[in-house]
């Protein structure tokens, strides 16, 4: 990257624009509040990286979206920034690389980030087939990600085919990456049919269910009825349960019981108490 200004310069916040189409969310959460307080008391230590927007006096943020947002929230009118002359593709790669190292990154953010970087590299004339960990002399998995293999990068990119509601479930940890990948092969209509069944059955698809729906889709046999049948299956982890803190149970349970004996003891105790309440009610009715 060619730095047109070797030292940081103060740029008015109104002349800074977020990078168009970047997938990284800027949230007003506890971490943002901490950042705002830090900027209010100590200022911005690490300059933003920006690039000039052609034929304007404005700049596009390449690195530092959270710092810019925090500065605006803190009432700061100017922020330090390093200006780099970057074309769109080079800037895209820089945006992705500067965010992938973050401690907390959502699956949807990583998915669209990898896709953006792949497209930018493709525009630069580099191979982006990712058929294996070594995908050609100009591009390896390490070129896309320092932490994920080529196959894992491909899996994340598949998530970009999910409808927004399933992406949100991915980000909330309600469905696993492997499940999201299988669902991504379904068209929007079938994904929405699956989503409807999630609401009706108060569940999310397991990997087995998602795999079978993907298989049926490949074979041309996936219908709304098939989706209903698969999604209505009861899964062990979604059967209705009652949770009691172990600290409360220790006060009343005999010592030395294993899990099975503990369950039997609780059932017998509940049955005994139920019978006791029946006797009390009968006595009161006399």
Protein backbone atom coordinates (compact mmCIF):
# COMPACT_ATOMS: atom_id res chain seq x y z
CA UNK A 1 0.00 0.00 0.00
CA UNK A 2 1.32 3.42 -0.93
CA UNK A 3 0.94 5.89 1.91
CA UNK A 4 0.28 9.32 0.40
CA UNK A 5 0.73 10.88 3.85
CA UNK A 6 3.59 9.36 5.85
CA UNK A 7 2.23 10.69 9.13
CA UNK A 8 -1.33 10.60 10.49
CA UNK A 9 -3.43 13.62 9.67
CA UNK A 10 -6.52 14.92 11.46
CA UNK A 11 -9.61 14.40 9.31
CA UNK A 12 -13.10 15.72 10.19
CA UNK A 13 -15.45 12.83 10.90
CA UNK A 14 -18.02 14.18 8.45
CA UNK A 15 -15.52 13.57 5.63
CA UNK A 16 -15.19 9.87 6.47
CA UNK A 17 -17.47 7.20 5.00
CA UNK A 18 -17.74 3.51 5.96
CA UNK A 19 -16.30 1.12 3.39
CA UNK A 20 -19.15 0.34 1.02
CA UNK A 21 -20.43 -3.21 1.38
CA UNK A 22 -18.19 -4.31 4.23
CA UNK A 23 -19.80 -7.14 6.25
CA UNK A 24 -18.54 -6.28 9.72
CA UNK A 25 -21.16 -5.13 12.20
CA UNK A 26 -20.56 -2.11 14.41
CA UNK A 27 -22.64 -2.68 17.55
CA UNK A 28 -23.52 -0.40 20.43
CA UNK A 29 -22.65 -2.96 23.08
CA UNK A 30 -20.55 -3.13 26.24
CA UNK A 31 -17.29 -3.28 24.27
CA UNK A 32 -18.32 -0.18 22.33
CA UNK A 33 -19.12 1.66 25.58
CA UNK A 34 -15.66 0.80 26.87
CA UNK A 35 -14.09 2.07 23.65
CA UNK A 36 -16.10 5.31 23.85
CA UNK A 37 -14.93 5.91 27.43
CA UNK A 38 -11.33 5.23 26.43
CA UNK A 39 -11.50 7.69 23.53
CA UNK A 40 -13.14 10.31 25.73
CA UNK A 41 -10.34 10.11 28.30
CA UNK A 42 -7.28 9.18 26.22
CA UNK A 43 -8.13 9.88 22.59
CA UNK A 44 -7.48 7.53 19.64
CA UNK A 45 -4.11 5.83 19.92
CA UNK A 46 -4.19 3.86 16.68
CA UNK A 47 -4.90 5.99 13.58
CA UNK A 48 -7.59 4.92 11.15
CA UNK A 49 -6.56 3.82 7.67
CA UNK A 50 -8.49 5.53 4.89
CA UNK A 51 -8.37 5.91 1.13
CA UNK A 52 -9.35 8.96 -0.94
CA UNK A 53 -12.69 8.82 -2.74
CA UNK A 54 -12.15 9.93 -6.32
CA UNK A 55 -13.31 13.41 -7.31
CA UNK A 56 -14.32 14.31 -3.75
CA UNK A 57 -12.73 15.63 -0.60
CA UNK A 58 -13.98 12.62 1.35
CA UNK A 59 -12.32 9.39 2.42
CA UNK A 60 -13.45 5.78 2.73
CA UNK A 61 -12.51 3.95 5.93
CA UNK A 62 -10.41 0.85 5.35
CA UNK A 63 -9.58 0.09 8.97
CA UNK A 64 -11.13 1.66 12.04
CA UNK A 65 -14.92 1.55 11.64
CA UNK A 66 -15.45 0.87 15.35
CA UNK A 67 -13.03 3.65 16.35
CA UNK A 68 -14.83 6.08 14.05
CA UNK A 69 -18.23 5.13 15.46
CA UNK A 70 -16.94 5.46 19.03
CA UNK A 71 -15.40 8.86 18.24
CA UNK A 72 -18.71 10.07 16.83
CA UNK A 73 -20.52 8.81 19.93
CA UNK A 74 -17.94 10.55 22.11
CA UNK A 75 -18.48 13.84 20.31
CA UNK A 76 -15.03 13.89 18.71
CA UNK A 77 -15.01 16.03 15.53
CA UNK A 78 -11.62 14.97 14.09
CA UNK A 79 -9.76 11.67 14.12
CA UNK A 80 -6.17 10.77 13.21
CA UNK A 81 -5.85 8.76 10.00
CA UNK A 82 -3.25 7.43 7.61
CA UNK A 83 -4.17 8.03 3.97
CA UNK A 84 -3.38 5.28 1.48
CA UNK A 85 -3.94 5.36 -2.27
CA UNK A 86 -5.72 2.03 -2.81
CA UNK A 87 -7.91 0.78 -5.60
CA UNK A 88 -11.18 -0.92 -4.73
CA UNK A 89 -9.84 -4.47 -4.76
CA UNK A 90 -6.74 -3.71 -2.72
CA UNK A 91 -8.88 -1.79 -0.24
CA UNK A 92 -11.31 -4.71 0.01
CA UNK A 93 -8.51 -7.12 0.87
CA UNK A 94 -7.18 -4.67 3.46
CA UNK A 95 -10.63 -4.27 5.04
CA UNK A 96 -11.03 -8.03 5.37
CA UNK A 97 -7.52 -8.65 6.68
CA UNK A 98 -7.79 -5.87 9.27
CA UNK A 99 -10.97 -7.36 10.72
CA UNK A 100 -10.40 -11.12 10.58
CA UNK A 101 -7.95 -10.95 13.47
CA UNK A 102 -10.66 -9.66 15.83
CA UNK A 103 -11.32 -11.78 18.91
CA UNK A 104 -15.09 -11.84 18.33
CA UNK A 105 -16.18 -12.32 14.73
CA UNK A 106 -19.58 -13.64 13.71
CA UNK A 107 -19.97 -16.53 11.24
CA UNK A 108 -21.90 -14.26 8.84
CA UNK A 109 -19.15 -11.65 9.01
CA UNK A 110 -16.47 -14.21 8.22
CA UNK A 111 -18.58 -15.70 5.42
CA UNK A 112 -19.10 -12.44 3.54
CA UNK A 113 -15.56 -11.30 4.32
CA UNK A 114 -14.08 -14.40 2.68
CA UNK A 115 -16.40 -13.95 -0.29
CA UNK A 116 -15.36 -10.30 -0.68
CA UNK A 117 -11.69 -11.21 -0.52
CA UNK A 118 -12.13 -14.06 -3.02
CA UNK A 119 -13.83 -11.72 -5.48
CA UNK A 120 -11.16 -9.06 -5.03
CA UNK A 121 -8.38 -11.59 -5.62
CA UNK A 122 -10.24 -12.87 -8.67
CA UNK A 123 -10.38 -9.34 -10.06
CA UNK A 124 -6.63 -9.14 -9.60
CA UNK A 125 -6.24 -12.19 -11.83
CA UNK A 126 -5.45 -14.74 -9.14
CA UNK A 127 -6.93 -18.22 -9.05
CA UNK A 128 -9.74 -18.59 -6.52
CA UNK A 129 -11.00 -22.13 -7.13
CA UNK A 130 -9.92 -23.41 -3.70
CA UNK A 131 -10.14 -27.03 -4.80
CA UNK A 132 -7.56 -28.02 -2.19
CA UNK A 133 -5.29 -26.51 0.43
CA UNK A 134 -2.88 -25.71 -2.42
CA UNK A 135 -4.93 -24.22 -5.21
CA UNK A 136 -2.35 -22.92 -7.60
CA UNK A 137 0.98 -21.13 -7.71
CA UNK A 138 -0.55 -17.71 -7.08
CA UNK A 139 -3.11 -18.50 -4.41
CA UNK A 140 -3.10 -20.82 -1.38
CA UNK A 141 -5.49 -21.15 1.53
CA UNK A 142 -3.12 -18.96 3.53
CA UNK A 143 -3.72 -16.16 1.03
CA UNK A 144 -7.39 -16.18 1.99
CA UNK A 145 -7.07 -16.98 5.68
CA UNK A 146 -4.25 -17.51 8.13
CA UNK A 147 -6.42 -19.70 10.35
CA UNK A 148 -8.87 -21.63 8.16
CA UNK A 149 -8.10 -24.27 5.53
CA UNK A 150 -9.24 -23.96 1.94
CA UNK A 151 -12.13 -26.36 2.57
CA UNK A 152 -13.19 -24.38 5.64
CA UNK A 153 -13.08 -21.14 3.65
CA UNK A 154 -15.38 -22.75 1.06
CA UNK A 155 -17.78 -23.80 3.83
CA UNK A 156 -17.96 -20.28 5.18
CA UNK A 157 -18.57 -18.84 1.73
CA UNK A 158 -21.49 -21.26 1.31
CA UNK A 159 -23.19 -19.46 4.22
CA UNK A 160 -23.64 -16.40 2.01
CA UNK A 161 -26.41 -18.34 0.27
CA UNK A 162 -28.47 -18.54 3.46
CA UNK A 163 -31.52 -16.34 3.95
CA UNK A 164 -31.01 -13.57 6.56
CA UNK A 165 -33.03 -15.39 9.22
CA UNK A 166 -30.74 -18.44 9.12
CA UNK A 167 -27.66 -16.20 9.10
CA UNK A 168 -28.98 -14.64 12.29
CA UNK A 169 -29.46 -18.08 13.82
CA UNK A 170 -25.86 -18.87 12.86
CA UNK A 171 -24.65 -15.71 14.58
CA UNK A 172 -26.75 -16.45 17.67
CA UNK A 173 -25.25 -19.94 17.89
CA UNK A 174 -28.61 -21.65 17.34
CA UNK A 175 -27.37 -23.73 14.40
CA UNK A 176 -23.92 -25.15 13.73
CA UNK A 177 -21.70 -24.31 10.77
CA UNK A 178 -22.20 -27.78 9.28
CA UNK A 179 -25.98 -27.37 9.43
CA UNK A 180 -25.81 -23.93 7.82
CA UNK A 181 -23.69 -25.30 4.99
CA UNK A 182 -26.24 -28.03 4.20
CA UNK A 183 -29.16 -25.59 4.32
CA UNK A 184 -27.31 -23.19 2.02
CA UNK A 185 -27.81 -25.58 -0.90
CA UNK A 186 -31.60 -25.18 -0.68
CA UNK A 187 -33.23 -22.39 -2.68
CA UNK A 188 -34.93 -19.50 -0.88
CA UNK A 189 -38.40 -21.04 -1.10
CA UNK A 190 -37.29 -24.27 0.57
CA UNK A 191 -35.19 -22.44 3.15
CA UNK A 192 -38.27 -20.44 4.12
CA UNK A 193 -40.29 -23.66 4.34
CA UNK A 194 -37.66 -25.01 6.75
CA UNK A 195 -37.74 -21.76 8.71
CA UNK A 196 -41.53 -22.02 9.02
CA UNK A 197 -41.18 -25.54 10.43
CA UNK A 198 -38.59 -24.27 12.91
CA UNK A 199 -41.22 -21.87 14.25
CA UNK A 200 -44.03 -24.46 14.25
CA UNK A 201 -41.96 -27.15 16.01
CA UNK A 202 -39.96 -24.72 18.16
CA UNK A 203 -36.71 -26.29 17.00
CA UNK A 204 -33.74 -25.94 14.70
CA UNK A 205 -32.60 -28.61 12.22
CA UNK A 206 -29.95 -31.08 13.27
CA UNK A 207 -27.10 -31.94 10.91
CA UNK A 208 -28.87 -35.20 10.02
CA UNK A 209 -32.07 -33.37 9.12
CA UNK A 210 -30.27 -30.69 7.11
CA UNK A 211 -28.22 -33.34 5.28
CA UNK A 212 -31.33 -35.34 4.37
CA UNK A 213 -33.12 -32.25 3.08
CA UNK A 214 -30.06 -31.35 0.99
CA UNK A 215 -29.94 -34.93 -0.33
CA UNK A 216 -33.64 -34.85 -1.24
CA UNK A 217 -33.12 -31.51 -2.97
CA UNK A 218 -30.27 -32.95 -5.07
CA UNK A 219 -32.47 -35.88 -6.03
CA UNK A 220 -35.38 -33.61 -6.92
CA UNK A 221 -37.68 -35.07 -4.26
CA UNK A 222 -37.69 -32.23 -1.72
CA UNK A 223 -41.20 -30.88 -1.19
CA UNK A 224 -42.94 -28.93 1.54
CA UNK A 225 -44.42 -32.20 2.79
CA UNK A 226 -40.96 -33.81 3.00
CA UNK A 227 -39.63 -30.79 4.90
CA UNK A 228 -42.58 -31.01 7.31
CA UNK A 229 -41.98 -34.73 7.91
CA UNK A 230 -38.25 -34.32 8.55
CA UNK A 231 -38.58 -31.23 10.72
CA UNK A 232 -41.39 -32.70 12.86
CA UNK A 233 -39.09 -35.46 14.13
CA UNK A 234 -38.44 -35.21 17.85
CA UNK A 235 -34.80 -34.80 18.78
CA UNK A 236 -33.53 -35.91 22.16
CA UNK A 237 -32.05 -32.51 22.95
CA UNK A 238 -35.35 -30.78 22.19
CA UNK A 239 -37.65 -32.87 24.40
CA UNK A 240 -39.27 -30.85 27.14
CA UNK A 241 -37.12 -30.86 30.28
CA UNK A 242 -37.13 -29.29 33.72
CA UNK A 243 -33.86 -27.91 35.08
CA UNK A 244 -33.14 -27.65 38.81
CA UNK A 245 -29.89 -26.15 40.16
CA UNK A 246 -27.70 -28.90 41.61
CA UNK A 247 -27.11 -26.73 44.69
CA UNK A 248 -30.80 -27.11 45.61
CA UNK A 249 -30.79 -30.86 45.03
CA UNK A 250 -27.74 -31.41 47.25
CA UNK A 251 -29.78 -30.17 50.21
CA UNK A 252 -32.38 -32.95 49.88
CA UNK A 253 -30.74 -35.84 48.01
CA UNK A 254 -28.90 -38.70 49.74
CA UNK A 255 -25.18 -38.71 49.09
CA UNK A 256 -23.52 -41.08 46.63
CA UNK A 257 -26.31 -41.31 44.04
CA UNK A 258 -25.33 -41.58 40.40
CA UNK A 259 -27.33 -39.83 37.65
CA UNK A 260 -29.80 -42.71 37.14
CA UNK A 261 -30.44 -43.19 40.87
CA UNK A 262 -30.82 -39.42 41.28
CA UNK A 263 -33.50 -39.36 38.57
CA UNK A 264 -35.31 -42.36 40.15
CA UNK A 265 -35.18 -40.75 43.60
CA UNK A 266 -36.67 -37.47 42.30
CA UNK A 267 -39.48 -39.30 40.44
CA UNK A 268 -40.35 -41.38 43.53
CA UNK A 269 -40.23 -38.29 45.74
CA UNK A 270 -42.54 -36.40 43.39
CA UNK A 271 -44.93 -39.37 43.25
CA UNK A 272 -44.92 -39.62 47.04
CA UNK A 273 -45.63 -35.91 47.38
CA UNK A 274 -48.43 -36.11 44.78
CA UNK A 275 -50.09 -38.90 46.77
CA UNK A 276 -49.66 -36.87 49.95
CA UNK A 277 -51.45 -33.88 48.36
CA UNK A 278 -54.30 -36.18 47.24
CA UNK A 279 -54.68 -37.52 50.81
CA UNK A 280 -54.68 -33.99 52.19
CA UNK A 281 -57.32 -32.86 49.72
CA UNK A 282 -59.52 -35.88 50.49
CA UNK A 283 -59.17 -35.21 54.20
CA UNK A 284 -60.17 -31.59 53.79
CA UNK A 285 -63.27 -32.56 51.79
CA UNK A 286 -64.67 -34.77 54.55
